[in-house]
Amino acid sequence: MACARAIQQNRFKGSDVFCNARMTPKQIKEACKLDTEAEALLKAAILHLQLSARAYDRILKVSRTIADLENSENIQAKHIAEATQFRNLDRKGVN
């Protein structure tokens, strides 16, 4: 957890942002690099689940955090899958 926080602090050094959850659209584009498989999975999830642009950004932010926890430079399909599962739980209102 501390390693992921350090990665984020370094990523946003010199800006008002301190964590992935606060990324601007421009920062999302810069920080959320997806491999080919991850990009395909995200597109499929957006279409299948009929998610909004806001949900797309949220999935990217959560995926970036999951990737940071694994010390992964790029977002992989497994990160997108996990973030999408969290999104589904959120939509269903699971306590």
PDB file of N, CA and C in Angstrom:
ATOM      1  N   MET A   1       0.825  -1.190   0.000  1.00  0.00           N
ATOM      2  CA  MET A   1       0.000   0.000   0.000  1.00  0.00           C
ATOM      3  C   MET A   1       0.867   1.250   0.000  1.00  0.00           C
ATOM      4  N   ALA A   2       1.904   1.268   0.829  1.00  0.00           N
ATOM      5  CA  ALA A   2       2.795   2.428   0.901  1.00  0.00           C
ATOM      6  C   ALA A   2       3.521   2.638  -0.418  1.00  0.00           C
ATOM      7  N   CYS A   3       3.867   1.537  -1.080  1.00  0.00           N
ATOM      8  CA  CYS A   3       4.551   1.629  -2.369  1.00  0.00           C
ATOM      9  C   CYS A   3       3.631   2.272  -3.414  1.00  0.00           C
ATOM     10  N   ALA A   4       2.369   1.872  -3.433  1.00  0.00           N
ATOM     11  CA  ALA A   4       1.406   2.442  -4.373  1.00  0.00           C
ATOM     12  C   ALA A   4       1.207   3.927  -4.100  1.00  0.00           C
ATOM     13  N   ARG A   5       1.155   4.298  -2.841  1.00  0.00           N
ATOM     14  CA  ARG A   5       0.997   5.711  -2.480  1.00  0.00           C
ATOM     15  C   ARG A   5       2.215   6.512  -2.943  1.00  0.00           C
ATOM     16  N   ALA A   6       3.401   5.943  -2.781  1.00  0.00           N
ATOM     17  CA  ALA A   6       4.628   6.617  -3.220  1.00  0.00           C
ATOM     18  C   ALA A   6       4.645   6.778  -4.737  1.00  0.00           C
ATOM     19  N   ILE A   7       4.183   5.770  -5.457  1.00  0.00           N
ATOM     20  CA  ILE A   7       4.102   5.852  -6.922  1.00  0.00           C
ATOM     21  C   ILE A   7       3.192   7.008  -7.316  1.00  0.00           C
ATOM     22  N   GLN A   8       2.057   7.120  -6.647  1.00  0.00           N
ATOM     23  CA  GLN A   8       1.102   8.177  -6.969  1.00  0.00           C
ATOM     24  C   GLN A   8       1.647   9.558  -6.615  1.00  0.00           C
ATOM     25  N   GLN A   9       2.297   9.673  -5.479  1.00  0.00           N
ATOM     26  CA  GLN A   9       2.883  10.964  -5.100  1.00  0.00           C
ATOM     27  C   GLN A   9       3.924  11.398  -6.120  1.00  0.00           C
ATOM     28  N   ASN A  10       4.718  10.457  -6.586  1.00  0.00           N
ATOM     29  CA  ASN A  10       5.725  10.765  -7.600  1.00  0.00           C
ATOM     30  C   ASN A  10       5.065  11.144  -8.927  1.00  0.00           C
ATOM     31  N   ARG A  11       4.015  10.429  -9.302  1.00  0.00           N
ATOM     32  CA  ARG A  11       3.310  10.681 -10.558  1.00  0.00           C
ATOM     33  C   ARG A  11       2.735  12.103 -10.589  1.00  0.00           C
ATOM     34  N   PHE A  12       2.227  12.564  -9.460  1.00  0.00           N
ATOM     35  CA  PHE A  12       1.529  13.845  -9.428  1.00  0.00           C
ATOM     36  C   PHE A  12       2.350  14.973  -8.807  1.00  0.00           C
ATOM     37  N   LYS A  13       3.636  14.737  -8.654  1.00  0.00           N
ATOM     38  CA  LYS A  13       4.514  15.757  -8.079  1.00  0.00           C
ATOM     39  C   LYS A  13       4.383  17.063  -8.872  1.00  0.00           C
ATOM     40  N   GLY A  14       4.229  18.150  -8.163  1.00  0.00           N
ATOM     41  CA  GLY A  14       4.117  19.456  -8.804  1.00  0.00           C
ATOM     42  C   GLY A  14       2.703  19.820  -9.229  1.00  0.00           C
ATOM     43  N   SER A  15       1.723  18.981  -8.889  1.00  0.00           N
ATOM     44  CA  SER A  15       0.331  19.302  -9.217  1.00  0.00           C
ATOM     45  C   SER A  15      -0.494  19.303  -7.933  1.00  0.00           C
ATOM     46  N   ASP A  16      -1.736  19.720  -8.049  1.00  0.00           N
ATOM     47  CA  ASP A  16      -2.636  19.733  -6.896  1.00  0.00           C
ATOM     48  C   ASP A  16      -3.196  18.349  -6.588  1.00  0.00           C
ATOM     49  N   VAL A  17      -3.008  17.424  -7.502  1.00  0.00           N
ATOM     50  CA  VAL A  17      -3.523  16.063  -7.351  1.00  0.00           C
ATOM     51  C   VAL A  17      -2.561  15.260  -6.489  1.00  0.00           C
ATOM     52  N   PHE A  18      -3.118  14.427  -5.612  1.00  0.00           N
ATOM     53  CA  PHE A  18      -2.263  13.624  -4.738  1.00  0.00           C
ATOM     54  C   PHE A  18      -2.533  12.123  -4.859  1.00  0.00           C
ATOM     55  N   CYS A  19      -3.608  11.747  -5.555  1.00  0.00           N
ATOM     56  CA  CYS A  19      -3.904  10.320  -5.717  1.00  0.00           C
ATOM     57  C   CYS A  19      -4.683  10.101  -7.018  1.00  0.00           C
ATOM     58  N   ASN A  20      -4.752   8.856  -7.438  1.00  0.00           N
ATOM     59  CA  ASN A  20      -5.403   8.522  -8.705  1.00  0.00           C
ATOM     60  C   ASN A  20      -6.870   8.943  -8.745  1.00  0.00           C
ATOM     61  N   ALA A  21      -7.544   8.881  -7.629  1.00  0.00           N
ATOM     62  CA  ALA A  21      -8.966   9.226  -7.591  1.00  0.00           C
ATOM     63  C   ALA A  21      -9.228  10.676  -7.982  1.00  0.00           C
ATOM     64  N   ARG A  22      -8.230  11.517  -7.853  1.00  0.00           N
ATOM     65  CA  ARG A  22      -8.384  12.950  -8.140  1.00  0.00           C
ATOM     66  C   ARG A  22      -7.846  13.353  -9.515  1.00  0.00           C
ATOM     67  N   MET A  23      -7.495  12.378 -10.351  1.00  0.00           N
ATOM     68  CA  MET A  23      -6.924  12.700 -11.661  1.00  0.00           C
ATOM     69  C   MET A  23      -7.896  13.495 -12.525  1.00  0.00           C
ATOM     70  N   THR A  24      -7.338  14.443 -13.257  1.00  0.00           N
ATOM     71  CA  THR A  24      -8.097  15.188 -14.261  1.00  0.00           C
ATOM     72  C   THR A  24      -8.170  14.334 -15.530  1.00  0.00           C
ATOM     73  N   PRO A  25      -9.057  14.681 -16.459  1.00  0.00           N
ATOM     74  CA  PRO A  25      -9.102  13.921 -17.719  1.00  0.00           C
ATOM     75  C   PRO A  25      -7.742  13.863 -18.430  1.00  0.00           C
ATOM     76  N   LYS A  26      -7.011  14.947 -18.420  1.00  0.00           N
ATOM     77  CA  LYS A  26      -5.689  14.964 -19.051  1.00  0.00           C
ATOM     78  C   LYS A  26      -4.739  14.003 -18.330  1.00  0.00           C
ATOM     79  N   GLN A  27      -4.783  13.992 -17.011  1.00  0.00           N
ATOM     80  CA  GLN A  27      -3.919  13.098 -16.238  1.00  0.00           C
ATOM     81  C   GLN A  27      -4.312  11.635 -16.445  1.00  0.00           C
ATOM     82  N   ILE A  28      -5.596  11.383 -16.592  1.00  0.00           N
ATOM     83  CA  ILE A  28      -6.050  10.018 -16.870  1.00  0.00           C
ATOM     84  C   ILE A  28      -5.426   9.538 -18.174  1.00  0.00           C
ATOM     85  N   LYS A  29      -5.481  10.386 -19.182  1.00  0.00           N
ATOM     86  CA  LYS A  29      -4.926  10.026 -20.491  1.00  0.00           C
ATOM     87  C   LYS A  29      -3.429   9.737 -20.400  1.00  0.00           C
ATOM     88  N   GLU A  30      -2.719  10.510 -19.593  1.00  0.00           N
ATOM     89  CA  GLU A  30      -1.274  10.343 -19.457  1.00  0.00           C
ATOM     90  C   GLU A  30      -0.907   9.142 -18.583  1.00  0.00           C
ATOM     91  N   ALA A  31      -1.634   8.925 -17.508  1.00  0.00           N
ATOM     92  CA  ALA A  31      -1.250   7.912 -16.515  1.00  0.00           C
ATOM     93  C   ALA A  31      -1.839   6.531 -16.775  1.00  0.00           C
ATOM     94  N   CYS A  32      -2.911   6.473 -17.517  1.00  0.00           N
ATOM     95  CA  CYS A  32      -3.626   5.199 -17.682  1.00  0.00           C
ATOM     96  C   CYS A  32      -3.334   4.567 -19.040  1.00  0.00           C
ATOM     97  N   LYS A  33      -2.141   4.055 -19.171  1.00  0.00           N
ATOM     98  CA  LYS A  33      -1.732   3.370 -20.399  1.00  0.00           C
ATOM     99  C   LYS A  33      -2.165   1.916 -20.312  1.00  0.00           C
ATOM    100  N   LEU A  34      -2.933   1.488 -21.304  1.00  0.00           N
ATOM    101  CA  LEU A  34      -3.463   0.128 -21.324  1.00  0.00           C
ATOM    102  C   LEU A  34      -2.734  -0.708 -22.364  1.00  0.00           C
ATOM    103  N   ASP A  35      -2.528  -1.994 -22.035  1.00  0.00           N
ATOM    104  CA  ASP A  35      -2.005  -2.879 -23.065  1.00  0.00           C
ATOM    105  C   ASP A  35      -3.178  -3.237 -23.987  1.00  0.00           C
ATOM    106  N   THR A  36      -2.893  -3.900 -25.091  1.00  0.00           N
ATOM    107  CA  THR A  36      -3.910  -4.188 -26.106  1.00  0.00           C
ATOM    108  C   THR A  36      -5.075  -4.994 -25.547  1.00  0.00           C
ATOM    109  N   GLU A  37      -4.769  -6.003 -24.768  1.00  0.00           N
ATOM    110  CA  GLU A  37      -5.808  -6.852 -24.181  1.00  0.00           C
ATOM    111  C   GLU A  37      -6.685  -6.057 -23.211  1.00  0.00           C
ATOM    112  N   ALA A  38      -6.074  -5.194 -22.424  1.00  0.00           N
ATOM    113  CA  ALA A  38      -6.824  -4.370 -21.468  1.00  0.00           C
ATOM    114  C   ALA A  38      -7.751  -3.405 -22.193  1.00  0.00           C
ATOM    115  N   GLU A  39      -7.254  -2.825 -23.266  1.00  0.00           N
ATOM    116  CA  GLU A  39      -8.069  -1.888 -24.044  1.00  0.00           C
ATOM    117  C   GLU A  39      -9.294  -2.596 -24.629  1.00  0.00           C
ATOM    118  N   ALA A  40      -9.093  -3.788 -25.167  1.00  0.00           N
ATOM    119  CA  ALA A  40     -10.210  -4.553 -25.736  1.00  0.00           C
ATOM    120  C   ALA A  40     -11.223  -4.929 -24.658  1.00  0.00           C
ATOM    121  N   LEU A  41     -10.735  -5.345 -23.503  1.00  0.00           N
ATOM    122  CA  LEU A  41     -11.630  -5.722 -22.403  1.00  0.00           C
ATOM    123  C   LEU A  41     -12.437  -4.519 -21.916  1.00  0.00           C
ATOM    124  N   LEU A  42     -11.795  -3.369 -21.797  1.00  0.00           N
ATOM    125  CA  LEU A  42     -12.497  -2.169 -21.343  1.00  0.00           C
ATOM    126  C   LEU A  42     -13.581  -1.767 -22.340  1.00  0.00           C
ATOM    127  N   LYS A  43     -13.260  -1.801 -23.623  1.00  0.00           N
ATOM    128  CA  LYS A  43     -14.264  -1.465 -24.646  1.00  0.00           C
ATOM    129  C   LYS A  43     -15.453  -2.423 -24.577  1.00  0.00           C
ATOM    130  N   ALA A  44     -15.169  -3.710 -24.413  1.00  0.00           N
ATOM    131  CA  ALA A  44     -16.242  -4.699 -24.319  1.00  0.00           C
ATOM    132  C   ALA A  44     -17.103  -4.458 -23.080  1.00  0.00           C
ATOM    133  N   ALA A  45     -16.471  -4.144 -21.967  1.00  0.00           N
ATOM    134  CA  ALA A  45     -17.212  -3.881 -20.727  1.00  0.00           C
ATOM    135  C   ALA A  45     -18.103  -2.653 -20.871  1.00  0.00           C
ATOM    136  N   ILE A  46     -17.576  -1.613 -21.483  1.00  0.00           N
ATOM    137  CA  ILE A  46     -18.355  -0.384 -21.673  1.00  0.00           C
ATOM    138  C   ILE A  46     -19.596  -0.673 -22.520  1.00  0.00           C
ATOM    139  N   LEU A  47     -19.408  -1.429 -23.605  1.00  0.00           N
ATOM    140  CA  LEU A  47     -20.540  -1.749 -24.479  1.00  0.00           C
ATOM    141  C   LEU A  47     -21.527  -2.691 -23.793  1.00  0.00           C
ATOM    142  N   HIS A  48     -21.022  -3.749 -23.194  1.00  0.00           N
ATOM    143  CA  HIS A  48     -21.883  -4.763 -22.575  1.00  0.00           C
ATOM    144  C   HIS A  48     -22.656  -4.205 -21.379  1.00  0.00           C
ATOM    145  N   LEU A  49     -21.985  -3.416 -20.557  1.00  0.00           N
ATOM    146  CA  LEU A  49     -22.618  -2.883 -19.347  1.00  0.00           C
ATOM    147  C   LEU A  49     -23.273  -1.522 -19.570  1.00  0.00           C
ATOM    148  N   GLN A  50     -23.133  -0.995 -20.784  1.00  0.00           N
ATOM    149  CA  GLN A  50     -23.700   0.305 -21.150  1.00  0.00           C
ATOM    150  C   GLN A  50     -23.298   1.388 -20.146  1.00  0.00           C
ATOM    151  N   LEU A  51     -22.001   1.501 -19.945  1.00  0.00           N
ATOM    152  CA  LEU A  51     -21.477   2.454 -18.967  1.00  0.00           C
ATOM    153  C   LEU A  51     -21.274   3.829 -19.590  1.00  0.00           C
ATOM    154  N   SER A  52     -21.379   4.837 -18.771  1.00  0.00           N
ATOM    155  CA  SER A  52     -21.212   6.222 -19.205  1.00  0.00           C
ATOM    156  C   SER A  52     -19.733   6.585 -19.300  1.00  0.00           C
ATOM    157  N   ALA A  53     -19.474   7.763 -19.835  1.00  0.00           N
ATOM    158  CA  ALA A  53     -18.097   8.269 -19.904  1.00  0.00           C
ATOM    159  C   ALA A  53     -17.532   8.457 -18.498  1.00  0.00           C
ATOM    160  N   ARG A  54     -18.361   8.860 -17.580  1.00  0.00           N
ATOM    161  CA  ARG A  54     -17.918   9.017 -16.188  1.00  0.00           C
ATOM    162  C   ARG A  54     -17.512   7.667 -15.598  1.00  0.00           C
ATOM    163  N   ALA A  55     -18.296   6.639 -15.869  1.00  0.00           N
ATOM    164  CA  ALA A  55     -17.961   5.293 -15.392  1.00  0.00           C
ATOM    165  C   ALA A  55     -16.664   4.804 -16.027  1.00  0.00           C
ATOM    166  N   TYR A  56     -16.466   5.117 -17.296  1.00  0.00           N
ATOM    167  CA  TYR A  56     -15.224   4.774 -18.003  1.00  0.00           C
ATOM    168  C   TYR A  56     -14.033   5.368 -17.261  1.00  0.00           C
ATOM    169  N   ASP A  57     -14.122   6.652 -16.920  1.00  0.00           N
ATOM    170  CA  ASP A  57     -13.032   7.313 -16.188  1.00  0.00           C
ATOM    171  C   ASP A  57     -12.816   6.675 -14.821  1.00  0.00           C
ATOM    172  N   ARG A  58     -13.888   6.348 -14.137  1.00  0.00           N
ATOM    173  CA  ARG A  58     -13.762   5.729 -12.808  1.00  0.00           C
ATOM    174  C   ARG A  58     -13.083   4.367 -12.895  1.00  0.00           C
ATOM    175  N   ILE A  59     -13.457   3.587 -13.903  1.00  0.00           N
ATOM    176  CA  ILE A  59     -12.816   2.279 -14.078  1.00  0.00           C
ATOM    177  C   ILE A  59     -11.330   2.459 -14.351  1.00  0.00           C
ATOM    178  N   LEU A  60     -10.973   3.442 -15.165  1.00  0.00           N
ATOM    179  CA  LEU A  60      -9.553   3.691 -15.432  1.00  0.00           C
ATOM    180  C   LEU A  60      -8.808   4.095 -14.161  1.00  0.00           C
ATOM    181  N   LYS A  61      -9.408   4.945 -13.352  1.00  0.00           N
ATOM    182  CA  LYS A  61      -8.757   5.382 -12.109  1.00  0.00           C
ATOM    183  C   LYS A  61      -8.546   4.211 -11.150  1.00  0.00           C
ATOM    184  N   VAL A  62      -9.568   3.391 -10.996  1.00  0.00           N
ATOM    185  CA  VAL A  62      -9.447   2.234 -10.104  1.00  0.00           C
ATOM    186  C   VAL A  62      -8.439   1.236 -10.675  1.00  0.00           C
ATOM    187  N   SER A  63      -8.474   1.033 -11.983  1.00  0.00           N
ATOM    188  CA  SER A  63      -7.509   0.137 -12.630  1.00  0.00           C
ATOM    189  C   SER A  63      -6.085   0.620 -12.428  1.00  0.00           C
ATOM    190  N   ARG A  64      -5.889   1.931 -12.516  1.00  0.00           N
ATOM    191  CA  ARG A  64      -4.550   2.500 -12.313  1.00  0.00           C
ATOM    192  C   ARG A  64      -4.083   2.232 -10.884  1.00  0.00           C
ATOM    193  N   THR A  65      -4.994   2.354  -9.927  1.00  0.00           N
ATOM    194  CA  THR A  65      -4.641   2.085  -8.531  1.00  0.00           C
ATOM    195  C   THR A  65      -4.294   0.611  -8.329  1.00  0.00           C
ATOM    196  N   ILE A  66      -5.077  -0.272  -8.919  1.00  0.00           N
ATOM    197  CA  ILE A  66      -4.787  -1.705  -8.815  1.00  0.00           C
ATOM    198  C   ILE A  66      -3.422  -2.007  -9.436  1.00  0.00           C
ATOM    199  N   ALA A  67      -3.145  -1.417 -10.589  1.00  0.00           N
ATOM    200  CA  ALA A  67      -1.841  -1.608 -11.237  1.00  0.00           C
ATOM    201  C   ALA A  67      -0.719  -1.070 -10.350  1.00  0.00           C
ATOM    202  N   ASP A  68      -0.944   0.071  -9.706  1.00  0.00           N
ATOM    203  CA  ASP A  68       0.061   0.630  -8.790  1.00  0.00           C
ATOM    204  C   ASP A  68       0.328  -0.322  -7.629  1.00  0.00           C
ATOM    205  N   LEU A  69      -0.719  -0.929  -7.103  1.00  0.00           N
ATOM    206  CA  LEU A  69      -0.554  -1.877  -5.999  1.00  0.00           C
ATOM    207  C   LEU A  69       0.307  -3.072  -6.408  1.00  0.00           C
ATOM    208  N   GLU A  70       0.265  -3.412  -7.698  1.00  0.00           N
ATOM    209  CA  GLU A  70       1.082  -4.511  -8.223  1.00  0.00           C
ATOM    210  C   GLU A  70       2.393  -4.010  -8.821  1.00  0.00           C
ATOM    211  N   ASN A  71       2.646  -2.706  -8.676  1.00  0.00           N
ATOM    212  CA  ASN A  71       3.862  -2.084  -9.214  1.00  0.00           C
ATOM    213  C   ASN A  71       3.978  -2.314 -10.723  1.00  0.00           C
ATOM    214  N   SER A  72       2.850  -2.233 -11.409  1.00  0.00           N
ATOM    215  CA  SER A  72       2.786  -2.441 -12.850  1.00  0.00           C
ATOM    216  C   SER A  72       2.754  -1.090 -13.554  1.00  0.00           C
ATOM    217  N   GLU A  73       3.652  -0.911 -14.507  1.00  0.00           N
ATOM    218  CA  GLU A  73       3.733   0.365 -15.222  1.00  0.00           C
ATOM    219  C   GLU A  73       2.486   0.619 -16.064  1.00  0.00           C
ATOM    220  N   ASN A  74       2.003  -0.419 -16.736  1.00  0.00           N
ATOM    221  CA  ASN A  74       0.817  -0.291 -17.578  1.00  0.00           C
ATOM    222  C   ASN A  74      -0.358  -1.028 -16.953  1.00  0.00           C
ATOM    223  N   ILE A  75      -1.543  -0.602 -17.320  1.00  0.00           N
ATOM    224  CA  ILE A  75      -2.757  -1.270 -16.871  1.00  0.00           C
ATOM    225  C   ILE A  75      -2.960  -2.502 -17.744  1.00  0.00           C
ATOM    226  N   GLN A  76      -3.165  -3.628 -17.099  1.00  0.00           N
ATOM    227  CA  GLN A  76      -3.363  -4.895 -17.803  1.00  0.00           C
ATOM    228  C   GLN A  76      -4.830  -5.305 -17.730  1.00  0.00           C
ATOM    229  N   ALA A  77      -5.181  -6.296 -18.526  1.00  0.00           N
ATOM    230  CA  ALA A  77      -6.572  -6.765 -18.573  1.00  0.00           C
ATOM    231  C   ALA A  77      -7.068  -7.196 -17.195  1.00  0.00           C
ATOM    232  N   LYS A  78      -6.211  -7.832 -16.399  1.00  0.00           N
ATOM    233  CA  LYS A  78      -6.651  -8.275 -15.068  1.00  0.00           C
ATOM    234  C   LYS A  78      -6.996  -7.085 -14.175  1.00  0.00           C
ATOM    235  N   HIS A  79      -6.338  -5.949 -14.374  1.00  0.00           N
ATOM    236  CA  HIS A  79      -6.644  -4.746 -13.597  1.00  0.00           C
ATOM    237  C   HIS A  79      -8.008  -4.183 -14.014  1.00  0.00           C
ATOM    238  N   ILE A  80      -8.265  -4.177 -15.324  1.00  0.00           N
ATOM    239  CA  ILE A  80      -9.565  -3.717 -15.837  1.00  0.00           C
ATOM    240  C   ILE A  80     -10.675  -4.632 -15.325  1.00  0.00           C
ATOM    241  N   ALA A  81     -10.440  -5.943 -15.366  1.00  0.00           N
ATOM    242  CA  ALA A  81     -11.454  -6.905 -14.916  1.00  0.00           C
ATOM    243  C   ALA A  81     -11.801  -6.680 -13.447  1.00  0.00           C
ATOM    244  N   GLU A  82     -10.789  -6.490 -12.621  1.00  0.00           N
ATOM    245  CA  GLU A  82     -11.041  -6.280 -11.190  1.00  0.00           C
ATOM    246  C   GLU A  82     -11.788  -4.969 -10.950  1.00  0.00           C
ATOM    247  N   ALA A  83     -11.373  -3.912 -11.622  1.00  0.00           N
ATOM    248  CA  ALA A  83     -12.035  -2.614 -11.459  1.00  0.00           C
ATOM    249  C   ALA A  83     -13.484  -2.682 -11.936  1.00  0.00           C
ATOM    250  N   THR A  84     -13.731  -3.414 -13.009  1.00  0.00           N
ATOM    251  CA  THR A  84     -15.090  -3.563 -13.531  1.00  0.00           C
ATOM    252  C   THR A  84     -15.961  -4.333 -12.543  1.00  0.00           C
ATOM    253  N   GLN A  85     -15.388  -5.335 -11.894  1.00  0.00           N
ATOM    254  CA  GLN A  85     -16.136  -6.073 -10.871  1.00  0.00           C
ATOM    255  C   GLN A  85     -16.531  -5.153  -9.719  1.00  0.00           C
ATOM    256  N   PHE A  86     -15.609  -4.295  -9.300  1.00  0.00           N
ATOM    257  CA  PHE A  86     -15.945  -3.334  -8.244  1.00  0.00           C
ATOM    258  C   PHE A  86     -17.073  -2.425  -8.703  1.00  0.00           C
ATOM    259  N   ARG A  87     -17.029  -2.001  -9.951  1.00  0.00           N
ATOM    260  CA  ARG A  87     -18.059  -1.131 -10.505  1.00  0.00           C
ATOM    261  C   ARG A  87     -19.414  -1.839 -10.492  1.00  0.00           C
ATOM    262  N   ASN A  88     -19.422  -3.119 -10.857  1.00  0.00           N
ATOM    263  CA  ASN A  88     -20.675  -3.881 -10.842  1.00  0.00           C
ATOM    264  C   ASN A  88     -21.235  -3.999  -9.436  1.00  0.00           C
ATOM    265  N   LEU A  89     -20.371  -4.231  -8.460  1.00  0.00           N
ATOM    266  CA  LEU A  89     -20.825  -4.299  -7.068  1.00  0.00           C
ATOM    267  C   LEU A  89     -21.419  -2.970  -6.633  1.00  0.00           C
ATOM    268  N   ASP A  90     -20.788  -1.884  -7.053  1.00  0.00           N
ATOM    269  CA  ASP A  90     -21.263  -0.544  -6.714  1.00  0.00           C
ATOM    270  C   ASP A  90     -22.644  -0.297  -7.318  1.00  0.00           C
ATOM    271  N   ARG A  91     -22.832  -0.712  -8.556  1.00  0.00           N
ATOM    272  CA  ARG A  91     -24.111  -0.504  -9.241  1.00  0.00           C
ATOM    273  C   ARG A  91     -25.230  -1.327  -8.613  1.00  0.00           C
ATOM    274  N   LYS A  92     -24.888  -2.510  -8.103  1.00  0.00           N
ATOM    275  CA  LYS A  92     -25.890  -3.386  -7.504  1.00  0.00           C
ATOM    276  C   LYS A  92     -26.210  -3.000  -6.071  1.00  0.00           C
ATOM    277  N   GLY A  93     -25.398  -2.125  -5.492  1.00  0.00           N
ATOM    278  CA  GLY A  93     -25.644  -1.694  -4.128  1.00  0.00           C
ATOM    279  C   GLY A  93     -25.326  -2.751  -3.093  1.00  0.00           C
ATOM    280  N   VAL A  94     -24.336  -3.576  -3.371  1.00  0.00           N
ATOM    281  CA  VAL A  94     -23.939  -4.620  -2.429  1.00  0.00           C
ATOM    282  C   VAL A  94     -23.287  -3.977  -1.224  1.00  0.00           C
ATOM    283  N   ASN A  95     -23.740  -4.366  -0.023  1.00  0.00           N
ATOM    284  CA  ASN A  95     -23.188  -3.808   1.216  1.00  0.00           C
ATOM    285  C   ASN A  95     -22.044  -4.630   1.708  1.00  0.00           C
TER     286      ASN A  95
END
